[in-house]
Amino acid sequence: MKKIFTFILIAMMGLAFSNCNHDETNGPEIILEEPEEGQPFTAGSAHGVHMEFDLKDESGLNQYKIDIHYGGGHVHSQALKTQSAAAAVDWSYQKTYDDAKGLKNHHVHVHSDSIPENATLGEYHLGISATDVHGNETTRYRTFTIVDYEVADED
């Protein structure tokens, strides 16, 4: 009986230590710096949406994805209500990057494609998803707006 108890105790300690050394339950950390929440971008901007963020994962990063799409919500600004619905297009941007593969820390500074002049004005959603080498994923979200007036490019 004592041998069985000792075996079970050793097995449990082995499992506990293996879980401490290899955490597969948490995805990468995403520290999203830009764009700021609610930041406006100009329809027709050749610079697109400026994004800057840091990725961190002790086990190693695999890839990250950027997804931008129209939020579809209502707007309150008079300036945003003047656009012809027939001419507007719900702009989107999706891209997957693998330049961080195997790194533990990665700084990203990227711009989306240019924003079309006829992009639907209003709220857009930005989603950044990152996976580590074990397939664990984390996603961070931010909203911004596309407007029909000139916004200074601070990049």
Protein backbone atom coordinates (compact mmCIF):
# COMPACT_ATOMS: atom_id res chain seq x y z
CA MET A 1 0.00 0.00 0.00
CA LYS A 2 2.86 2.34 0.85
CA LYS A 3 4.43 1.71 -2.59
CA ILE A 4 1.19 2.62 -4.37
CA PHE A 5 0.86 5.83 -2.37
CA THR A 6 4.50 6.76 -3.12
CA PHE A 7 4.00 6.05 -6.84
CA ILE A 8 0.84 8.20 -6.99
CA LEU A 9 2.58 11.04 -5.13
CA ILE A 10 5.57 10.98 -7.49
CA ALA A 11 3.29 10.87 -10.55
CA MET A 12 1.28 13.86 -9.31
CA MET A 13 4.45 15.87 -8.59
CA GLY A 14 5.73 15.06 -12.08
CA LEU A 15 2.52 16.37 -13.63
CA ALA A 16 2.64 19.51 -11.51
CA PHE A 17 6.22 20.29 -12.52
CA SER A 18 5.59 19.60 -16.21
CA ASN A 19 2.66 22.06 -16.18
CA CYS A 20 4.85 24.75 -14.61
CA ASN A 21 7.49 24.37 -17.29
CA HIS A 22 5.16 24.44 -20.29
CA ASP A 23 2.06 26.62 -20.11
CA GLU A 24 -0.12 25.83 -23.12
CA THR A 25 -3.25 27.54 -21.82
CA ASN A 26 -2.31 31.15 -22.51
CA GLY A 27 -1.84 32.74 -25.90
CA PRO A 28 0.56 35.54 -26.75
CA GLU A 29 0.33 38.96 -25.11
CA ILE A 30 -0.77 41.75 -27.47
CA ILE A 31 -0.01 45.33 -26.44
CA LEU A 32 -1.95 47.50 -28.89
CA GLU A 33 -0.57 51.05 -29.03
CA GLU A 34 -2.17 52.45 -32.20
CA PRO A 35 -4.69 53.24 -33.42
CA GLU A 36 -6.20 54.77 -30.33
CA GLU A 37 -9.80 53.89 -29.46
CA GLY A 38 -12.14 55.98 -31.66
CA GLN A 39 -9.29 57.52 -33.69
CA PRO A 40 -10.47 59.02 -37.01
CA PHE A 41 -8.95 58.15 -40.40
CA THR A 42 -9.79 59.97 -43.63
CA ALA A 43 -11.68 58.25 -46.45
CA GLY A 44 -9.38 58.31 -49.48
CA SER A 45 -6.20 58.28 -47.37
CA ALA A 46 -3.29 56.68 -49.24
CA HIS A 47 -1.64 55.94 -45.87
CA GLY A 48 -4.43 53.62 -44.70
CA VAL A 49 -4.81 52.73 -41.04
CA HIS A 50 -1.61 53.03 -38.99
CA MET A 51 -1.17 50.14 -36.55
CA GLU A 52 1.53 49.68 -33.95
CA PHE A 53 1.66 46.90 -31.36
CA ASP A 54 3.96 44.53 -29.48
CA LEU A 55 3.63 40.75 -29.33
CA LYS A 56 5.13 38.67 -26.53
CA ASP A 57 5.14 34.94 -25.80
CA GLU A 58 7.68 32.98 -23.76
CA SER A 59 7.18 29.79 -25.79
CA GLY A 60 7.63 31.62 -29.10
CA LEU A 61 5.30 33.38 -31.52
CA ASN A 62 3.91 31.76 -34.64
CA GLN A 63 1.84 34.25 -36.64
CA TYR A 64 -0.48 37.22 -36.30
CA LYS A 65 -3.52 38.35 -38.26
CA ILE A 66 -5.08 41.75 -38.80
CA ASP A 67 -8.78 42.05 -39.62
CA ILE A 68 -10.50 45.38 -40.28
CA HIS A 69 -14.18 45.55 -41.20
CA TYR A 70 -17.10 47.96 -41.12
CA GLY A 71 -18.83 48.08 -37.74
CA GLY A 72 -22.32 48.51 -39.19
CA GLY A 73 -23.54 50.57 -36.25
CA HIS A 74 -25.45 53.84 -36.33
CA VAL A 75 -23.68 57.20 -36.37
CA HIS A 76 -24.54 60.47 -34.69
CA SER A 77 -22.37 62.96 -36.58
CA GLN A 78 -24.09 65.15 -39.17
CA ALA A 79 -20.94 65.05 -41.31
CA LEU A 80 -21.12 61.26 -41.50
CA LYS A 81 -24.79 61.25 -42.62
CA THR A 82 -24.19 63.17 -45.88
CA GLN A 83 -22.64 60.25 -47.79
CA SER A 84 -24.70 58.59 -50.52
CA ALA A 85 -25.48 55.03 -49.42
CA ALA A 86 -25.45 53.83 -53.04
CA ALA A 87 -21.87 55.03 -53.59
CA ALA A 88 -20.49 53.75 -50.29
CA VAL A 89 -18.54 50.52 -49.95
CA ASP A 90 -17.96 48.69 -46.66
CA TRP A 91 -14.16 48.67 -46.74
CA SER A 92 -12.23 45.78 -45.18
CA TYR A 93 -8.65 44.62 -44.81
CA GLN A 94 -7.37 41.18 -43.81
CA LYS A 95 -3.77 40.01 -43.76
CA THR A 96 -1.77 37.25 -42.04
CA TYR A 97 1.90 37.74 -41.17
CA ASP A 98 4.52 35.15 -40.23
CA ASP A 99 7.55 37.43 -39.73
CA ALA A 100 7.46 36.82 -35.93
CA LYS A 101 7.77 33.01 -36.19
CA GLY A 102 9.88 31.66 -33.32
CA LEU A 103 10.49 35.07 -31.70
CA LYS A 104 9.56 35.74 -28.07
CA ASN A 105 9.08 39.51 -28.62
CA HIS A 106 8.11 41.33 -31.80
CA HIS A 107 7.29 44.99 -32.48
CA VAL A 108 4.90 45.60 -35.37
CA HIS A 109 4.52 48.86 -37.29
CA VAL A 110 2.30 48.41 -40.33
CA HIS A 111 -0.23 50.28 -42.45
CA SER A 112 -3.30 48.80 -44.10
CA ASP A 113 -3.97 49.31 -47.77
CA SER A 114 -5.21 52.78 -48.67
CA ILE A 115 -8.74 53.62 -47.59
CA PRO A 116 -11.01 54.12 -50.64
CA GLU A 117 -12.64 57.52 -51.09
CA ASN A 118 -16.05 55.87 -51.19
CA ALA A 119 -15.51 53.80 -48.01
CA THR A 120 -18.62 53.71 -45.86
CA LEU A 121 -18.17 56.38 -43.20
CA GLY A 122 -18.52 55.49 -39.56
CA GLU A 123 -17.25 52.95 -37.06
CA TYR A 124 -14.85 50.18 -38.07
CA HIS A 125 -13.56 47.27 -36.01
CA LEU A 126 -9.90 46.26 -35.85
CA GLY A 127 -9.04 42.79 -34.59
CA ILE A 128 -5.48 41.61 -34.03
CA SER A 129 -5.02 37.89 -33.36
CA ALA A 130 -1.72 36.23 -32.49
CA THR A 131 -0.86 32.55 -32.07
CA ASP A 132 2.11 30.96 -30.36
CA VAL A 133 4.07 27.90 -31.48
CA HIS A 134 1.60 25.66 -29.58
CA GLY A 135 -1.45 27.08 -31.40
CA ASN A 136 -2.77 29.15 -28.46
CA GLU A 137 -4.45 32.34 -29.67
CA THR A 138 -5.16 35.78 -28.24
CA THR A 139 -7.21 38.52 -29.91
CA ARG A 140 -7.43 42.24 -29.10
CA TYR A 141 -10.07 44.58 -30.51
CA ARG A 142 -10.22 48.30 -31.12
CA THR A 143 -12.70 50.57 -32.89
CA PHE A 144 -11.87 53.57 -35.05
CA THR A 145 -13.84 55.75 -37.47
CA ILE A 146 -13.54 56.65 -41.11
CA VAL A 147 -14.56 60.25 -41.73
CA ASP A 148 -14.98 62.50 -44.77
CA TYR A 149 -12.78 65.34 -43.53
CA GLU A 150 -8.99 65.66 -43.56
CA VAL A 151 -7.23 64.07 -40.58
CA ALA A 152 -3.57 64.92 -40.00
CA ASP A 153 -1.24 61.96 -40.55
CA GLU A 154 0.98 61.78 -37.44
CA ASP A 155 3.02 58.74 -38.49
